[in-house]
Amino acid sequence: MTEIAETLDATGLLCPLPVLKARKRLKALPDGAVLRMLADDPAAVIDVPHFCAESGHTLLDQSEADGAQIYLIRKGG
């Protein structure tokens, strides 16, 4: 089981705000910490994996529940 350091609720926000808020929140976390992000922007399914790949973070999981996408992102070093 992955321990979640923090949860970011980005539901209701449209591109590029979910990724921008995730970037800001991840900056404040220590390397290796896991951010759980909720989003409902249809573009997030493309934007979040791309952001992780470009920024050196690891997308641990991508799922959907209650109409929201759930992303688990491990901060890279």
PDB file of N, CA and C in Angstrom:
ATOM      1  N   MET A   1       0.840  -1.188   0.000  1.00  0.00           N
ATOM      2  CA  MET A   1       0.000   0.000   0.000  1.00  0.00           C
ATOM      3  C   MET A   1       0.882   1.248   0.000  1.00  0.00           C
ATOM      4  N   THR A   2       0.508   2.200  -0.793  1.00  0.00           N
ATOM      5  CA  THR A   2       1.250   3.449  -0.916  1.00  0.00           C
ATOM      6  C   THR A   2       0.698   4.473   0.066  1.00  0.00           C
ATOM      7  N   GLU A   3       1.580   5.072   0.842  1.00  0.00           N
ATOM      8  CA  GLU A   3       1.149   6.093   1.799  1.00  0.00           C
ATOM      9  C   GLU A   3       1.009   7.430   1.082  1.00  0.00           C
ATOM     10  N   ILE A   4      -0.156   8.024   1.186  1.00  0.00           N
ATOM     11  CA  ILE A   4      -0.446   9.300   0.546  1.00  0.00           C
ATOM     12  C   ILE A   4       0.026  10.427   1.465  1.00  0.00           C
ATOM     13  N   ALA A   5       0.910  11.287   0.955  1.00  0.00           N
ATOM     14  CA  ALA A   5       1.398  12.410   1.750  1.00  0.00           C
ATOM     15  C   ALA A   5       0.376  13.541   1.784  1.00  0.00           C
ATOM     16  N   GLU A   6      -0.315  13.741   0.653  1.00  0.00           N
ATOM     17  CA  GLU A   6      -1.241  14.855   0.548  1.00  0.00           C
ATOM     18  C   GLU A   6      -2.238  14.585  -0.564  1.00  0.00           C
ATOM     19  N   THR A   7      -3.431  15.181  -0.457  1.00  0.00           N
ATOM     20  CA  THR A   7      -4.446  15.063  -1.505  1.00  0.00           C
ATOM     21  C   THR A   7      -4.743  16.443  -2.057  1.00  0.00           C
ATOM     22  N   LEU A   8      -4.781  16.535  -3.378  1.00  0.00           N
ATOM     23  CA  LEU A   8      -5.102  17.777  -4.077  1.00  0.00           C
ATOM     24  C   LEU A   8      -6.412  17.570  -4.806  1.00  0.00           C
ATOM     25  N   ASP A   9      -7.413  18.365  -4.480  1.00  0.00           N
ATOM     26  CA  ASP A   9      -8.703  18.291  -5.171  1.00  0.00           C
ATOM     27  C   ASP A   9      -8.721  19.348  -6.269  1.00  0.00           C
ATOM     28  N   ALA A  10      -8.532  18.900  -7.511  1.00  0.00           N
ATOM     29  CA  ALA A  10      -8.527  19.809  -8.657  1.00  0.00           C
ATOM     30  C   ALA A  10      -9.798  19.644  -9.484  1.00  0.00           C
ATOM     31  N   THR A  11     -10.851  19.086  -8.868  1.00  0.00           N
ATOM     32  CA  THR A  11     -12.104  18.952  -9.601  1.00  0.00           C
ATOM     33  C   THR A  11     -12.688  20.339  -9.863  1.00  0.00           C
ATOM     34  N   GLY A  12     -13.298  20.477 -11.023  1.00  0.00           N
ATOM     35  CA  GLY A  12     -13.870  21.767 -11.406  1.00  0.00           C
ATOM     36  C   GLY A  12     -12.885  22.683 -12.099  1.00  0.00           C
ATOM     37  N   LEU A  13     -11.611  22.299 -12.137  1.00  0.00           N
ATOM     38  CA  LEU A  13     -10.594  23.115 -12.790  1.00  0.00           C
ATOM     39  C   LEU A  13     -10.300  22.573 -14.188  1.00  0.00           C
ATOM     40  N   LEU A  14     -10.075  23.480 -15.120  1.00  0.00           N
ATOM     41  CA  LEU A  14      -9.776  23.072 -16.488  1.00  0.00           C
ATOM     42  C   LEU A  14      -8.307  23.282 -16.805  1.00  0.00           C
ATOM     43  N   CYS A  15      -7.854  22.586 -17.832  1.00  0.00           N
ATOM     44  CA  CYS A  15      -6.477  22.656 -18.312  1.00  0.00           C
ATOM     45  C   CYS A  15      -6.054  24.111 -18.465  1.00  0.00           C
ATOM     46  N   PRO A  16      -4.901  24.496 -18.002  1.00  0.00           N
ATOM     47  CA  PRO A  16      -3.826  23.694 -17.428  1.00  0.00           C
ATOM     48  C   PRO A  16      -3.797  23.701 -15.902  1.00  0.00           C
ATOM     49  N   LEU A  17      -4.854  24.175 -15.252  1.00  0.00           N
ATOM     50  CA  LEU A  17      -4.828  24.367 -13.796  1.00  0.00           C
ATOM     51  C   LEU A  17      -4.562  23.109 -12.978  1.00  0.00           C
ATOM     52  N   PRO A  18      -5.146  21.933 -13.300  1.00  0.00           N
ATOM     53  CA  PRO A  18      -4.822  20.757 -12.477  1.00  0.00           C
ATOM     54  C   PRO A  18      -3.324  20.447 -12.443  1.00  0.00           C
ATOM     55  N   VAL A  19      -2.661  20.530 -13.603  1.00  0.00           N
ATOM     56  CA  VAL A  19      -1.220  20.253 -13.657  1.00  0.00           C
ATOM     57  C   VAL A  19      -0.427  21.348 -12.938  1.00  0.00           C
ATOM     58  N   LEU A  20      -0.814  22.586 -13.107  1.00  0.00           N
ATOM     59  CA  LEU A  20      -0.104  23.685 -12.440  1.00  0.00           C
ATOM     60  C   LEU A  20      -0.217  23.565 -10.920  1.00  0.00           C
ATOM     61  N   LYS A  21      -1.394  23.216 -10.436  1.00  0.00           N
ATOM     62  CA  LYS A  21      -1.575  23.050  -8.991  1.00  0.00           C
ATOM     63  C   LYS A  21      -0.800  21.836  -8.488  1.00  0.00           C
ATOM     64  N   ALA A  22      -0.763  20.764  -9.283  1.00  0.00           N
ATOM     65  CA  ALA A  22       0.011  19.579  -8.896  1.00  0.00           C
ATOM     66  C   ALA A  22       1.493  19.922  -8.814  1.00  0.00           C
ATOM     67  N   ARG A  23       1.997  20.671  -9.779  1.00  0.00           N
ATOM     68  CA  ARG A  23       3.408  21.066  -9.785  1.00  0.00           C
ATOM     69  C   ARG A  23       3.746  21.848  -8.520  1.00  0.00           C
ATOM     70  N   LYS A  24       2.888  22.808  -8.174  1.00  0.00           N
ATOM     71  CA  LYS A  24       3.127  23.633  -6.985  1.00  0.00           C
ATOM     72  C   LYS A  24       3.094  22.783  -5.709  1.00  0.00           C
ATOM     73  N   ARG A  25       2.121  21.874  -5.605  1.00  0.00           N
ATOM     74  CA  ARG A  25       1.983  21.042  -4.418  1.00  0.00           C
ATOM     75  C   ARG A  25       3.159  20.076  -4.295  1.00  0.00           C
ATOM     76  N   LEU A  26       3.609  19.500  -5.428  1.00  0.00           N
ATOM     77  CA  LEU A  26       4.733  18.562  -5.403  1.00  0.00           C
ATOM     78  C   LEU A  26       6.036  19.252  -4.980  1.00  0.00           C
ATOM     79  N   LYS A  27       6.204  20.511  -5.364  1.00  0.00           N
ATOM     80  CA  LYS A  27       7.414  21.258  -4.982  1.00  0.00           C
ATOM     81  C   LYS A  27       7.586  21.311  -3.473  1.00  0.00           C
ATOM     82  N   ALA A  28       6.468  21.380  -2.762  1.00  0.00           N
ATOM     83  CA  ALA A  28       6.504  21.508  -1.304  1.00  0.00           C
ATOM     84  C   ALA A  28       6.718  20.165  -0.600  1.00  0.00           C
ATOM     85  N   LEU A  29       6.605  19.064  -1.338  1.00  0.00           N
ATOM     86  CA  LEU A  29       6.742  17.741  -0.732  1.00  0.00           C
ATOM     87  C   LEU A  29       8.169  17.226  -0.855  1.00  0.00           C
ATOM     88  N   PRO A  30       8.593  16.358   0.057  1.00  0.00           N
ATOM     89  CA  PRO A  30       9.938  15.761  -0.059  1.00  0.00           C
ATOM     90  C   PRO A  30       9.982  14.741  -1.198  1.00  0.00           C
ATOM     91  N   ASP A  31      11.170  14.493  -1.730  1.00  0.00           N
ATOM     92  CA  ASP A  31      11.336  13.485  -2.778  1.00  0.00           C
ATOM     93  C   ASP A  31      10.793  12.148  -2.299  1.00  0.00           C
ATOM     94  N   GLY A  32      10.086  11.462  -3.170  1.00  0.00           N
ATOM     95  CA  GLY A  32       9.526  10.159  -2.837  1.00  0.00           C
ATOM     96  C   GLY A  32       8.124  10.220  -2.256  1.00  0.00           C
ATOM     97  N   ALA A  33       7.659  11.408  -1.887  1.00  0.00           N
ATOM     98  CA  ALA A  33       6.311  11.549  -1.333  1.00  0.00           C
ATOM     99  C   ALA A  33       5.282  11.311  -2.436  1.00  0.00           C
ATOM    100  N   VAL A  34       4.093  10.882  -2.045  1.00  0.00           N
ATOM    101  CA  VAL A  34       3.041  10.586  -3.012  1.00  0.00           C
ATOM    102  C   VAL A  34       1.898  11.587  -2.871  1.00  0.00           C
ATOM    103  N   LEU A  35       1.551  12.203  -3.985  1.00  0.00           N
ATOM    104  CA  LEU A  35       0.432  13.143  -4.051  1.00  0.00           C
ATOM    105  C   LEU A  35      -0.742  12.431  -4.701  1.00  0.00           C
ATOM    106  N   ARG A  36      -1.888  12.500  -4.066  1.00  0.00           N
ATOM    107  CA  ARG A  36      -3.134  11.977  -4.650  1.00  0.00           C
ATOM    108  C   ARG A  36      -3.885  13.180  -5.202  1.00  0.00           C
ATOM    109  N   MET A  37      -4.158  13.157  -6.497  1.00  0.00           N
ATOM    110  CA  MET A  37      -4.846  14.274  -7.128  1.00  0.00           C
ATOM    111  C   MET A  37      -6.163  13.812  -7.719  1.00  0.00           C
ATOM    112  N   LEU A  38      -7.207  14.573  -7.453  1.00  0.00           N
ATOM    113  CA  LEU A  38      -8.523  14.326  -8.031  1.00  0.00           C
ATOM    114  C   LEU A  38      -8.760  15.380  -9.101  1.00  0.00           C
ATOM    115  N   ALA A  39      -9.267  14.970 -10.245  1.00  0.00           N
ATOM    116  CA  ALA A  39      -9.552  15.899 -11.332  1.00  0.00           C
ATOM    117  C   ALA A  39     -10.746  15.396 -12.125  1.00  0.00           C
ATOM    118  N   ASP A  40     -11.430  16.318 -12.790  1.00  0.00           N
ATOM    119  CA  ASP A  40     -12.517  15.908 -13.672  1.00  0.00           C
ATOM    120  C   ASP A  40     -12.403  16.549 -15.052  1.00  0.00           C
ATOM    121  N   ASP A  41     -11.285  17.191 -15.319  1.00  0.00           N
ATOM    122  CA  ASP A  41     -11.022  17.782 -16.633  1.00  0.00           C
ATOM    123  C   ASP A  41     -10.702  16.656 -17.618  1.00  0.00           C
ATOM    124  N   PRO A  42     -11.445  16.550 -18.729  1.00  0.00           N
ATOM    125  CA  PRO A  42     -11.167  15.481 -19.692  1.00  0.00           C
ATOM    126  C   PRO A  42      -9.731  15.491 -20.223  1.00  0.00           C
ATOM    127  N   ALA A  43      -9.103  16.651 -20.287  1.00  0.00           N
ATOM    128  CA  ALA A  43      -7.725  16.745 -20.792  1.00  0.00           C
ATOM    129  C   ALA A  43      -6.702  16.207 -19.792  1.00  0.00           C
ATOM    130  N   ALA A  44      -7.086  16.052 -18.534  1.00  0.00           N
ATOM    131  CA  ALA A  44      -6.142  15.606 -17.509  1.00  0.00           C
ATOM    132  C   ALA A  44      -5.605  14.206 -17.795  1.00  0.00           C
ATOM    133  N   VAL A  45      -6.395  13.356 -18.454  1.00  0.00           N
ATOM    134  CA  VAL A  45      -5.925  11.994 -18.747  1.00  0.00           C
ATOM    135  C   VAL A  45      -4.713  12.011 -19.671  1.00  0.00           C
ATOM    136  N   ILE A  46      -4.546  13.075 -20.423  1.00  0.00           N
ATOM    137  CA  ILE A  46      -3.365  13.251 -21.279  1.00  0.00           C
ATOM    138  C   ILE A  46      -2.329  14.117 -20.573  1.00  0.00           C
ATOM    139  N   ASP A  47      -2.788  15.197 -19.958  1.00  0.00           N
ATOM    140  CA  ASP A  47      -1.885  16.179 -19.344  1.00  0.00           C
ATOM    141  C   ASP A  47      -1.090  15.633 -18.164  1.00  0.00           C
ATOM    142  N   VAL A  48      -1.730  14.888 -17.277  1.00  0.00           N
ATOM    143  CA  VAL A  48      -1.054  14.426 -16.060  1.00  0.00           C
ATOM    144  C   VAL A  48       0.067  13.431 -16.380  1.00  0.00           C
ATOM    145  N   PRO A  49      -0.179  12.382 -17.191  1.00  0.00           N
ATOM    146  CA  PRO A  49       0.937  11.490 -17.532  1.00  0.00           C
ATOM    147  C   PRO A  49       2.084  12.215 -18.245  1.00  0.00           C
ATOM    148  N   HIS A  50       1.751  13.158 -19.125  1.00  0.00           N
ATOM    149  CA  HIS A  50       2.782  13.935 -19.834  1.00  0.00           C
ATOM    150  C   HIS A  50       3.577  14.786 -18.857  1.00  0.00           C
ATOM    151  N   PHE A  51       2.885  15.442 -17.923  1.00  0.00           N
ATOM    152  CA  PHE A  51       3.543  16.249 -16.904  1.00  0.00           C
ATOM    153  C   PHE A  51       4.512  15.402 -16.085  1.00  0.00           C
ATOM    154  N   CYS A  52       4.067  14.213 -15.675  1.00  0.00           N
ATOM    155  CA  CYS A  52       4.929  13.337 -14.875  1.00  0.00           C
ATOM    156  C   CYS A  52       6.177  12.934 -15.645  1.00  0.00           C
ATOM    157  N   ALA A  53       6.000  12.552 -16.899  1.00  0.00           N
ATOM    158  CA  ALA A  53       7.132  12.132 -17.727  1.00  0.00           C
ATOM    159  C   ALA A  53       8.120  13.275 -17.948  1.00  0.00           C
ATOM    160  N   GLU A  54       7.619  14.465 -18.176  1.00  0.00           N
ATOM    161  CA  GLU A  54       8.478  15.624 -18.441  1.00  0.00           C
ATOM    162  C   GLU A  54       9.165  16.136 -17.180  1.00  0.00           C
ATOM    163  N   SER A  55       8.533  15.949 -16.020  1.00  0.00           N
ATOM    164  CA  SER A  55       9.048  16.525 -14.774  1.00  0.00           C
ATOM    165  C   SER A  55       9.842  15.546 -13.923  1.00  0.00           C
ATOM    166  N   GLY A  56       9.909  14.281 -14.345  1.00  0.00           N
ATOM    167  CA  GLY A  56      10.674  13.299 -13.581  1.00  0.00           C
ATOM    168  C   GLY A  56       9.915  12.684 -12.419  1.00  0.00           C
ATOM    169  N   HIS A  57       8.583  12.858 -12.402  1.00  0.00           N
ATOM    170  CA  HIS A  57       7.760  12.240 -11.373  1.00  0.00           C
ATOM    171  C   HIS A  57       7.232  10.907 -11.907  1.00  0.00           C
ATOM    172  N   THR A  58       6.761  10.046 -11.016  1.00  0.00           N
ATOM    173  CA  THR A  58       6.242   8.743 -11.418  1.00  0.00           C
ATOM    174  C   THR A  58       4.739   8.699 -11.208  1.00  0.00           C
ATOM    175  N   LEU A  59       4.007   8.386 -12.269  1.00  0.00           N
ATOM    176  CA  LEU A  59       2.566   8.191 -12.152  1.00  0.00           C
ATOM    177  C   LEU A  59       2.353   6.754 -11.696  1.00  0.00           C
ATOM    178  N   LEU A  60       2.029   6.583 -10.418  1.00  0.00           N
ATOM    179  CA  LEU A  60       1.881   5.250  -9.833  1.00  0.00           C
ATOM    180  C   LEU A  60       0.571   4.590 -10.223  1.00  0.00           C
ATOM    181  N   ASP A  61      -0.486   5.391 -10.313  1.00  0.00           N
ATOM    182  CA  ASP A  61      -1.799   4.826 -10.606  1.00  0.00           C
ATOM    183  C   ASP A  61      -2.702   5.901 -11.181  1.00  0.00           C
ATOM    184  N   GLN A  62      -3.607   5.461 -12.042  1.00  0.00           N
ATOM    185  CA  GLN A  62      -4.589   6.349 -12.648  1.00  0.00           C
ATOM    186  C   GLN A  62      -5.893   5.567 -12.662  1.00  0.00           C
ATOM    187  N   SER A  63      -6.904   6.073 -11.946  1.00  0.00           N
ATOM    188  CA  SER A  63      -8.177   5.369 -11.874  1.00  0.00           C
ATOM    189  C   SER A  63      -9.310   6.385 -11.892  1.00  0.00           C
ATOM    190  N   GLU A  64     -10.528   5.881 -11.796  1.00  0.00           N
ATOM    191  CA  GLU A  64     -11.679   6.774 -11.802  1.00  0.00           C
ATOM    192  C   GLU A  64     -12.693   6.291 -10.773  1.00  0.00           C
ATOM    193  N   ALA A  65     -13.284   7.233 -10.038  1.00  0.00           N
ATOM    194  CA  ALA A  65     -14.317   6.906  -9.054  1.00  0.00           C
ATOM    195  C   ALA A  65     -15.193   8.129  -8.834  1.00  0.00           C
ATOM    196  N   ASP A  66     -16.490   7.894  -8.715  1.00  0.00           N
ATOM    197  CA  ASP A  66     -17.452   8.971  -8.445  1.00  0.00           C
ATOM    198  C   ASP A  66     -17.331  10.131  -9.431  1.00  0.00           C
ATOM    199  N   GLY A  67     -17.080   9.843 -10.701  1.00  0.00           N
ATOM    200  CA  GLY A  67     -17.016  10.879 -11.729  1.00  0.00           C
ATOM    201  C   GLY A  67     -15.732  11.676 -11.748  1.00  0.00           C
ATOM    202  N   ALA A  68     -14.761  11.299 -10.934  1.00  0.00           N
ATOM    203  CA  ALA A  68     -13.480  12.008 -10.904  1.00  0.00           C
ATOM    204  C   ALA A  68     -12.347  11.047 -11.238  1.00  0.00           C
ATOM    205  N   GLN A  69     -11.319  11.583 -11.871  1.00  0.00           N
ATOM    206  CA  GLN A  69     -10.101  10.807 -12.114  1.00  0.00           C
ATOM    207  C   GLN A  69      -9.231  10.927 -10.864  1.00  0.00           C
ATOM    208  N   ILE A  70      -8.558   9.841 -10.526  1.00  0.00           N
ATOM    209  CA  ILE A  70      -7.680   9.826  -9.354  1.00  0.00           C
ATOM    210  C   ILE A  70      -6.278   9.467  -9.833  1.00  0.00           C
ATOM    211  N   TYR A  71      -5.322  10.324  -9.516  1.00  0.00           N
ATOM    212  CA  TYR A  71      -3.924  10.106  -9.909  1.00  0.00           C
ATOM    213  C   TYR A  71      -3.074   9.998  -8.659  1.00  0.00           C
ATOM    214  N   LEU A  72      -2.192   9.012  -8.633  1.00  0.00           N
ATOM    215  CA  LEU A  72      -1.190   8.899  -7.563  1.00  0.00           C
ATOM    216  C   LEU A  72       0.159   9.205  -8.195  1.00  0.00           C
ATOM    217  N   ILE A  73       0.778  10.286  -7.741  1.00  0.00           N
ATOM    218  CA  ILE A  73       2.026  10.770  -8.328  1.00  0.00           C
ATOM    219  C   ILE A  73       3.129  10.743  -7.264  1.00  0.00           C
ATOM    220  N   ARG A  74       4.212  10.016  -7.547  1.00  0.00           N
ATOM    221  CA  ARG A  74       5.359  10.000  -6.636  1.00  0.00           C
ATOM    222  C   ARG A  74       6.348  11.065  -7.114  1.00  0.00           C
ATOM    223  N   LYS A  75       6.730  11.944  -6.187  1.00  0.00           N
ATOM    224  CA  LYS A  75       7.678  13.005  -6.536  1.00  0.00           C
ATOM    225  C   LYS A  75       9.047  12.433  -6.824  1.00  0.00           C
ATOM    226  N   GLY A  76       9.587  12.825  -7.965  1.00  0.00           N
ATOM    227  CA  GLY A  76      10.933  12.403  -8.351  1.00  0.00           C
ATOM    228  C   GLY A  76      11.975  13.351  -7.791  1.00  0.00           C
ATOM    229  N   GLY A  77      13.238  12.946  -7.876  1.00  0.00           N
ATOM    230  CA  GLY A  77      14.311  13.753  -7.294  1.00  0.00           C
ATOM    231  C   GLY A  77      15.026  14.592  -8.219  1.00  0.00           C
TER     232      GLY A  77
END
